[in-house]
Amino acid sequence: MKNPYIKCLRSEKTESGVLYGQFLINSLRVGQGITIGNLLRRVLLSDLGGISITAIRIAGIKDEFSIIPGVREDILEILLNLKGIIFKSKKRNCEYGRLKIQGPTVVTADLIQIPSNLEIINSNHYIATISTANVLEIEFKFEYGTGYKLASQTFSDEVDNYLQLDTIFMPVQKVDFKVENVYDNENNITERVFIEVWTDGSINPSDAVRKASQIIVDSFSVLTKTK
């Protein structure tokens, strides 16, 4: 039997900015396909992290029920729009950014002043519309994390005047896999797994699979070091 191997079959970027990849893991023993497919899927969806906005402070605003003069959207709409901005960063430390702009204008993600190590993937993402000559000033807090973080789970020394966001850190949006049997000339059976990965654009699907695989290897290597 050949040693198992993985290769990328397809890699593409959709119009919405989502990155898609299809991968084949071949030459598996019978029963290994479902195990590997399930494990990779769970790790891809739950253990890979990303950078997101976790809190904001708007000048002159103290809570999410306030009104910003001259801005078409209310606070809750702005918070929802901000959750859709996708960031990429090589660092995992907490960072801060700022937005200060005078209307009338349409406010998009590319107007946010961010640290040099951060990158906005969807720079044209809509935030709000200022319909008058008023100034909109927002401070942003960027954090690295995995999974979800609910606003009620956020604890900070700087909580005063900061509005906390429900945050999604997961860069992988969806994972599907399919297991197939393969028969050779002697009617021996092996398995192969087709894995499809969709990401938000902040990470390439190939890199996502590579990182997930490394997490799995590191986790199981601990079990081999028995005392």
C-alpha atoms as a PDB file:
ATOM      1  CA  MET A   1       0.000   0.000   0.000  1.00  0.00           C
ATOM      2  CA  LYS A   2       1.232   3.476  -0.859  1.00  0.00           C
ATOM      3  CA  ASN A   3       1.797   6.014   1.876  1.00  0.00           C
ATOM      4  CA  PRO A   4      -1.072   8.514   2.313  1.00  0.00           C
ATOM      5  CA  TYR A   5      -0.595  11.886   0.656  1.00  0.00           C
ATOM      6  CA  ILE A   6      -2.552  15.094   0.150  1.00  0.00           C
ATOM      7  CA  LYS A   7      -2.748  17.374  -2.861  1.00  0.00           C
ATOM      8  CA  CYS A   8      -4.726  20.468  -3.839  1.00  0.00           C
ATOM      9  CA  LEU A   9      -7.197  19.870  -6.666  1.00  0.00           C
ATOM     10  CA  ARG A  10      -8.766  23.333  -6.938  1.00  0.00           C
ATOM     11  CA  SER A  11      -8.053  26.807  -5.603  1.00  0.00           C
ATOM     12  CA  GLU A  12     -10.100  29.882  -6.440  1.00  0.00           C
ATOM     13  CA  LYS A  13     -11.402  33.212  -5.189  1.00  0.00           C
ATOM     14  CA  THR A  14     -15.110  34.002  -5.448  1.00  0.00           C
ATOM     15  CA  GLU A  15     -16.599  37.399  -6.298  1.00  0.00           C
ATOM     16  CA  SER A  16     -17.458  37.958  -2.634  1.00  0.00           C
ATOM     17  CA  GLY A  17     -13.790  37.527  -1.641  1.00  0.00           C
ATOM     18  CA  VAL A  18     -14.209  34.041  -0.175  1.00  0.00           C
ATOM     19  CA  LEU A  19     -11.260  31.707  -0.869  1.00  0.00           C
ATOM     20  CA  TYR A  20     -12.089  28.124  -1.834  1.00  0.00           C
ATOM     21  CA  GLY A  21      -9.885  25.057  -1.967  1.00  0.00           C
ATOM     22  CA  GLN A  22     -10.509  21.386  -2.713  1.00  0.00           C
ATOM     23  CA  PHE A  23      -8.051  18.761  -1.490  1.00  0.00           C
ATOM     24  CA  LEU A  24      -7.559  15.020  -1.936  1.00  0.00           C
ATOM     25  CA  ILE A  25      -6.116  12.727   0.730  1.00  0.00           C
ATOM     26  CA  ASN A  26      -5.336   9.390  -0.907  1.00  0.00           C
ATOM     27  CA  SER A  27      -4.168   5.878   0.000  1.00  0.00           C
ATOM     28  CA  LEU A  28      -5.856   5.601   3.384  1.00  0.00           C
ATOM     29  CA  ARG A  29      -6.733   2.369   5.130  1.00  0.00           C
ATOM     30  CA  VAL A  30     -10.372   1.375   5.413  1.00  0.00           C
ATOM     31  CA  GLY A  31     -11.960   3.348   8.249  1.00  0.00           C
ATOM     32  CA  GLN A  32      -9.342   6.093   8.302  1.00  0.00           C
ATOM     33  CA  GLY A  33     -11.217   8.381   5.899  1.00  0.00           C
ATOM     34  CA  ILE A  34     -14.092   9.287   8.211  1.00  0.00           C
ATOM     35  CA  THR A  35     -11.692   9.702  11.158  1.00  0.00           C
ATOM     36  CA  ILE A  36      -9.326  12.050   9.324  1.00  0.00           C
ATOM     37  CA  GLY A  37     -12.142  13.958   7.605  1.00  0.00           C
ATOM     38  CA  ASN A  38     -14.013  14.578  10.855  1.00  0.00           C
ATOM     39  CA  LEU A  39     -10.869  15.548  12.752  1.00  0.00           C
ATOM     40  CA  LEU A  40      -9.663  17.994  10.111  1.00  0.00           C
ATOM     41  CA  ARG A  41     -13.117  19.553   9.830  1.00  0.00           C
ATOM     42  CA  ARG A  42     -13.434  20.132  13.586  1.00  0.00           C
ATOM     43  CA  VAL A  43      -9.937  21.615  13.901  1.00  0.00           C
ATOM     44  CA  LEU A  44     -10.363  23.858  10.828  1.00  0.00           C
ATOM     45  CA  LEU A  45     -13.606  25.280  12.174  1.00  0.00           C
ATOM     46  CA  SER A  46     -12.743  25.613  15.851  1.00  0.00           C
ATOM     47  CA  ASP A  47      -8.983  25.868  16.407  1.00  0.00           C
ATOM     48  CA  LEU A  48      -7.741  28.320  13.791  1.00  0.00           C
ATOM     49  CA  GLY A  49      -7.738  31.918  14.992  1.00  0.00           C
ATOM     50  CA  GLY A  50      -7.987  35.381  13.529  1.00  0.00           C
ATOM     51  CA  ILE A  51      -7.979  39.120  14.248  1.00  0.00           C
ATOM     52  CA  SER A  52     -11.253  40.995  14.760  1.00  0.00           C
ATOM     53  CA  ILE A  53     -12.662  44.181  16.260  1.00  0.00           C
ATOM     54  CA  THR A  54     -13.669  43.367  19.837  1.00  0.00           C
ATOM     55  CA  ALA A  55     -14.587  46.835  21.129  1.00  0.00           C
ATOM     56  CA  ILE A  56     -15.068  50.412  19.935  1.00  0.00           C
ATOM     57  CA  ARG A  57     -15.313  53.843  21.530  1.00  0.00           C
ATOM     58  CA  ILE A  58     -17.303  56.522  19.731  1.00  0.00           C
ATOM     59  CA  ALA A  59     -16.659  60.138  20.709  1.00  0.00           C
ATOM     60  CA  GLY A  60     -19.634  61.523  22.652  1.00  0.00           C
ATOM     61  CA  ILE A  61     -21.410  58.145  22.871  1.00  0.00           C
ATOM     62  CA  LYS A  62     -21.771  56.126  26.089  1.00  0.00           C
ATOM     63  CA  ASP A  63     -23.975  53.174  25.119  1.00  0.00           C
ATOM     64  CA  GLU A  64     -25.389  51.284  22.160  1.00  0.00           C
ATOM     65  CA  PHE A  65     -28.754  53.050  22.428  1.00  0.00           C
ATOM     66  CA  SER A  66     -27.371  56.534  21.783  1.00  0.00           C
ATOM     67  CA  ILE A  67     -27.810  58.465  18.542  1.00  0.00           C
ATOM     68  CA  ILE A  68     -24.883  59.866  16.551  1.00  0.00           C
ATOM     69  CA  PRO A  69     -25.864  63.278  15.153  1.00  0.00           C
ATOM     70  CA  GLY A  70     -25.757  63.359  11.361  1.00  0.00           C
ATOM     71  CA  VAL A  71     -25.187  59.614  10.936  1.00  0.00           C
ATOM     72  CA  ARG A  72     -27.867  57.622   9.111  1.00  0.00           C
ATOM     73  CA  GLU A  73     -27.261  54.365  11.004  1.00  0.00           C
ATOM     74  CA  ASP A  74     -27.893  53.818  14.697  1.00  0.00           C
ATOM     75  CA  ILE A  75     -25.223  52.337  16.975  1.00  0.00           C
ATOM     76  CA  LEU A  76     -26.468  48.763  16.678  1.00  0.00           C
ATOM     77  CA  GLU A  77     -26.354  48.946  12.867  1.00  0.00           C
ATOM     78  CA  ILE A  78     -22.803  50.300  12.965  1.00  0.00           C
ATOM     79  CA  LEU A  79     -21.721  47.529  15.345  1.00  0.00           C
ATOM     80  CA  LEU A  80     -23.229  44.948  12.993  1.00  0.00           C
ATOM     81  CA  ASN A  81     -21.442  46.482   9.979  1.00  0.00           C
ATOM     82  CA  LEU A  82     -18.115  46.523  11.817  1.00  0.00           C
ATOM     83  CA  LYS A  83     -18.396  42.787  12.511  1.00  0.00           C
ATOM     84  CA  GLY A  84     -18.202  42.212   8.745  1.00  0.00           C
ATOM     85  CA  ILE A  85     -14.720  43.733   8.352  1.00  0.00           C
ATOM     86  CA  ILE A  86     -12.072  41.056   7.759  1.00  0.00           C
ATOM     87  CA  PHE A  87      -8.516  41.558   9.011  1.00  0.00           C
ATOM     88  CA  LYS A  88      -5.222  39.761   8.483  1.00  0.00           C
ATOM     89  CA  SER A  89      -2.239  40.004  10.802  1.00  0.00           C
ATOM     90  CA  LYS A  90       1.039  38.193  11.435  1.00  0.00           C
ATOM     91  CA  LYS A  91       0.973  39.161  15.126  1.00  0.00           C
ATOM     92  CA  ARG A  92      -1.371  38.128  17.909  1.00  0.00           C
ATOM     93  CA  ASN A  93      -1.040  41.066  20.283  1.00  0.00           C
ATOM     94  CA  CYS A  94      -3.810  43.533  21.076  1.00  0.00           C
ATOM     95  CA  GLU A  95      -3.839  46.537  18.729  1.00  0.00           C
ATOM     96  CA  TYR A  96      -5.742  49.820  18.422  1.00  0.00           C
ATOM     97  CA  GLY A  97      -6.967  51.829  15.444  1.00  0.00           C
ATOM     98  CA  ARG A  98      -8.802  55.064  14.791  1.00  0.00           C
ATOM     99  CA  LEU A  99     -11.292  56.618  12.418  1.00  0.00           C
ATOM    100  CA  LYS A 100     -11.946  60.357  12.267  1.00  0.00           C
ATOM    101  CA  ILE A 101     -13.811  61.802   9.310  1.00  0.00           C
ATOM    102  CA  GLN A 102     -16.099  64.726   8.557  1.00  0.00           C
ATOM    103  CA  GLY A 103     -19.232  64.402   6.470  1.00  0.00           C
ATOM    104  CA  PRO A 104     -21.105  64.372   4.350  1.00  0.00           C
ATOM    105  CA  THR A 105     -19.546  61.115   3.169  1.00  0.00           C
ATOM    106  CA  VAL A 106     -19.867  57.342   2.985  1.00  0.00           C
ATOM    107  CA  VAL A 107     -17.680  55.635   5.574  1.00  0.00           C
ATOM    108  CA  THR A 108     -15.950  52.419   4.478  1.00  0.00           C
ATOM    109  CA  ALA A 109     -13.363  50.140   6.082  1.00  0.00           C
ATOM    110  CA  ASP A 110     -10.402  51.605   4.172  1.00  0.00           C
ATOM    111  CA  LEU A 111     -10.804  54.871   6.107  1.00  0.00           C
ATOM    112  CA  ILE A 112      -9.795  53.192   9.371  1.00  0.00           C
ATOM    113  CA  GLN A 113      -6.246  54.001  10.468  1.00  0.00           C
ATOM    114  CA  ILE A 114      -4.697  50.685  11.518  1.00  0.00           C
ATOM    115  CA  PRO A 115      -1.246  49.511  12.700  1.00  0.00           C
ATOM    116  CA  SER A 116       1.226  48.613   9.951  1.00  0.00           C
ATOM    117  CA  ASN A 117       1.089  44.888  10.773  1.00  0.00           C
ATOM    118  CA  LEU A 118      -2.675  44.761  10.156  1.00  0.00           C
ATOM    119  CA  GLU A 119      -4.341  44.443   6.748  1.00  0.00           C
ATOM    120  CA  ILE A 120      -7.996  44.941   5.853  1.00  0.00           C
ATOM    121  CA  ILE A 121      -9.118  42.292   3.352  1.00  0.00           C
ATOM    122  CA  ASN A 122     -12.455  43.826   2.333  1.00  0.00           C
ATOM    123  CA  SER A 123     -11.448  47.502   2.294  1.00  0.00           C
ATOM    124  CA  ASN A 124     -14.655  48.628   0.550  1.00  0.00           C
ATOM    125  CA  HIS A 125     -16.876  47.198   3.292  1.00  0.00           C
ATOM    126  CA  TYR A 126     -19.636  49.643   4.240  1.00  0.00           C
ATOM    127  CA  ILE A 127     -19.766  51.058   7.784  1.00  0.00           C
ATOM    128  CA  ALA A 128     -22.061  54.110   7.805  1.00  0.00           C
ATOM    129  CA  THR A 129     -23.194  57.279   6.016  1.00  0.00           C
ATOM    130  CA  ILE A 130     -22.673  60.780   7.427  1.00  0.00           C
ATOM    131  CA  SER A 131     -25.352  63.020   5.925  1.00  0.00           C
ATOM    132  CA  THR A 132     -24.245  66.321   7.474  1.00  0.00           C
ATOM    133  CA  ALA A 133     -20.975  68.173   8.167  1.00  0.00           C
ATOM    134  CA  ASN A 134     -20.631  66.441  11.552  1.00  0.00           C
ATOM    135  CA  VAL A 135     -17.456  64.594  12.530  1.00  0.00           C
ATOM    136  CA  LEU A 136     -17.501  60.867  13.280  1.00  0.00           C
ATOM    137  CA  GLU A 137     -14.676  59.702  15.538  1.00  0.00           C
ATOM    138  CA  ILE A 138     -14.223  56.043  16.536  1.00  0.00           C
ATOM    139  CA  GLU A 139     -11.449  54.168  18.341  1.00  0.00           C
ATOM    140  CA  PHE A 140     -11.094  50.442  17.671  1.00  0.00           C
ATOM    141  CA  LYS A 141      -9.656  47.573  19.674  1.00  0.00           C
ATOM    142  CA  PHE A 142      -8.327  44.606  17.662  1.00  0.00           C
ATOM    143  CA  GLU A 143      -7.677  41.245  19.314  1.00  0.00           C
ATOM    144  CA  TYR A 144      -6.644  37.748  18.269  1.00  0.00           C
ATOM    145  CA  GLY A 145      -8.792  34.818  19.279  1.00  0.00           C
ATOM    146  CA  THR A 146     -10.431  31.553  18.270  1.00  0.00           C
ATOM    147  CA  GLY A 147     -14.089  30.633  17.957  1.00  0.00           C
ATOM    148  CA  TYR A 148     -16.674  33.088  19.252  1.00  0.00           C
ATOM    149  CA  LYS A 149     -16.500  35.731  21.945  1.00  0.00           C
ATOM    150  CA  LEU A 150     -19.769  37.130  23.244  1.00  0.00           C
ATOM    151  CA  ALA A 151     -19.789  40.722  24.474  1.00  0.00           C
ATOM    152  CA  SER A 152     -20.898  39.516  27.909  1.00  0.00           C
ATOM    153  CA  GLN A 153     -17.740  37.362  28.093  1.00  0.00           C
ATOM    154  CA  THR A 154     -15.405  40.323  27.505  1.00  0.00           C
ATOM    155  CA  PHE A 155     -13.649  41.725  30.560  1.00  0.00           C
ATOM    156  CA  SER A 156     -11.316  44.705  30.246  1.00  0.00           C
ATOM    157  CA  ASP A 157      -9.803  47.428  32.405  1.00  0.00           C
ATOM    158  CA  GLU A 158     -10.777  49.824  29.632  1.00  0.00           C
ATOM    159  CA  VAL A 159     -14.438  48.835  29.605  1.00  0.00           C
ATOM    160  CA  ASP A 160     -15.541  52.427  30.410  1.00  0.00           C
ATOM    161  CA  ASN A 161     -16.902  54.105  27.279  1.00  0.00           C
ATOM    162  CA  TYR A 162     -16.001  51.050  25.170  1.00  0.00           C
ATOM    163  CA  LEU A 163     -18.795  49.206  23.451  1.00  0.00           C
ATOM    164  CA  GLN A 164     -18.075  45.473  23.345  1.00  0.00           C
ATOM    165  CA  LEU A 165     -18.859  43.458  20.199  1.00  0.00           C
ATOM    166  CA  ASP A 166     -19.937  39.858  19.759  1.00  0.00           C
ATOM    167  CA  THR A 167     -16.885  38.663  17.848  1.00  0.00           C
ATOM    168  CA  ILE A 168     -16.261  35.859  15.359  1.00  0.00           C
ATOM    169  CA  PHE A 169     -12.551  35.056  15.077  1.00  0.00           C
ATOM    170  CA  MET A 170     -12.855  31.971  12.845  1.00  0.00           C
ATOM    171  CA  PRO A 171     -11.218  32.484   9.411  1.00  0.00           C
ATOM    172  CA  VAL A 172     -12.652  29.198   8.065  1.00  0.00           C
ATOM    173  CA  GLN A 173     -16.324  29.563   7.194  1.00  0.00           C
ATOM    174  CA  LYS A 174     -17.227  26.102   5.975  1.00  0.00           C
ATOM    175  CA  VAL A 175     -15.714  22.624   5.559  1.00  0.00           C
ATOM    176  CA  ASP A 176     -17.180  19.646   3.704  1.00  0.00           C
ATOM    177  CA  PHE A 177     -15.646  16.224   3.099  1.00  0.00           C
ATOM    178  CA  LYS A 178     -16.522  13.018   1.277  1.00  0.00           C
ATOM    179  CA  VAL A 179     -15.025   9.538   1.673  1.00  0.00           C
ATOM    180  CA  GLU A 180     -14.737   7.136  -1.290  1.00  0.00           C
ATOM    181  CA  ASN A 181     -13.535   3.543  -1.605  1.00  0.00           C
ATOM    182  CA  VAL A 182     -10.801   2.767  -4.144  1.00  0.00           C
ATOM    183  CA  TYR A 183     -10.268  -0.742  -5.550  1.00  0.00           C
ATOM    184  CA  ASP A 184      -7.018  -1.911  -7.166  1.00  0.00           C
ATOM    185  CA  ASN A 185      -6.504  -4.727  -9.699  1.00  0.00           C
ATOM    186  CA  GLU A 186      -6.395  -7.296  -6.912  1.00  0.00           C
ATOM    187  CA  ASN A 187      -9.646  -5.948  -5.433  1.00  0.00           C
ATOM    188  CA  ASN A 188      -7.871  -4.529  -2.389  1.00  0.00           C
ATOM    189  CA  ILE A 189      -9.696  -1.576  -0.854  1.00  0.00           C
ATOM    190  CA  THR A 190      -8.254   1.760   0.200  1.00  0.00           C
ATOM    191  CA  GLU A 191     -10.005   5.036   0.956  1.00  0.00           C
ATOM    192  CA  ARG A 192      -9.629   8.583  -0.258  1.00  0.00           C
ATOM    193  CA  VAL A 193     -11.072  11.788   1.169  1.00  0.00           C
ATOM    194  CA  PHE A 194     -12.127  14.880  -0.742  1.00  0.00           C
ATOM    195  CA  ILE A 195     -12.076  17.966   1.515  1.00  0.00           C
ATOM    196  CA  GLU A 196     -13.522  21.351   0.545  1.00  0.00           C
ATOM    197  CA  VAL A 197     -12.576  24.471   2.534  1.00  0.00           C
ATOM    198  CA  TRP A 198     -14.022  27.985   2.356  1.00  0.00           C
ATOM    199  CA  THR A 199     -12.267  30.851   4.197  1.00  0.00           C
ATOM    200  CA  ASP A 200     -13.124  34.529   4.702  1.00  0.00           C
ATOM    201  CA  GLY A 201     -10.108  35.614   2.640  1.00  0.00           C
ATOM    202  CA  SER A 202      -7.730  36.232   5.525  1.00  0.00           C
ATOM    203  CA  ILE A 203      -6.064  32.841   5.062  1.00  0.00           C
ATOM    204  CA  ASN A 204      -5.471  30.625   2.044  1.00  0.00           C
ATOM    205  CA  PRO A 205      -7.271  27.230   2.274  1.00  0.00           C
ATOM    206  CA  SER A 206      -3.947  25.425   1.744  1.00  0.00           C
ATOM    207  CA  ASP A 207      -2.421  27.285   4.694  1.00  0.00           C
ATOM    208  CA  ALA A 208      -5.528  26.560   6.752  1.00  0.00           C
ATOM    209  CA  VAL A 209      -5.236  22.807   6.112  1.00  0.00           C
ATOM    210  CA  ARG A 210      -1.509  22.945   6.867  1.00  0.00           C
ATOM    211  CA  LYS A 211      -2.042  24.771  10.172  1.00  0.00           C
ATOM    212  CA  ALA A 212      -4.886  22.468  11.190  1.00  0.00           C
ATOM    213  CA  SER A 213      -2.740  19.421  10.446  1.00  0.00           C
ATOM    214  CA  GLN A 214       0.098  20.833  12.544  1.00  0.00           C
ATOM    215  CA  ILE A 215      -2.292  21.440  15.450  1.00  0.00           C
ATOM    216  CA  ILE A 216      -3.375  17.799  15.235  1.00  0.00           C
ATOM    217  CA  VAL A 217       0.224  16.540  15.095  1.00  0.00           C
ATOM    218  CA  ASP A 218       1.245  18.698  18.064  1.00  0.00           C
ATOM    219  CA  SER A 219      -1.759  17.543  20.088  1.00  0.00           C
ATOM    220  CA  PHE A 220      -1.085  13.848  19.546  1.00  0.00           C
ATOM    221  CA  SER A 221       2.679  14.184  20.046  1.00  0.00           C
ATOM    222  CA  VAL A 222       1.966  15.087  23.653  1.00  0.00           C
ATOM    223  CA  LEU A 223       0.261  11.706  24.131  1.00  0.00           C
ATOM    224  CA  THR A 224       3.426   9.856  23.071  1.00  0.00           C
ATOM    225  CA  LYS A 225       5.388  11.398  25.950  1.00  0.00           C
ATOM    226  CA  THR A 226       4.014   9.156  28.657  1.00  0.00           C
ATOM    227  CA  LYS A 227       5.666   9.180  32.061  1.00  0.00           C
END
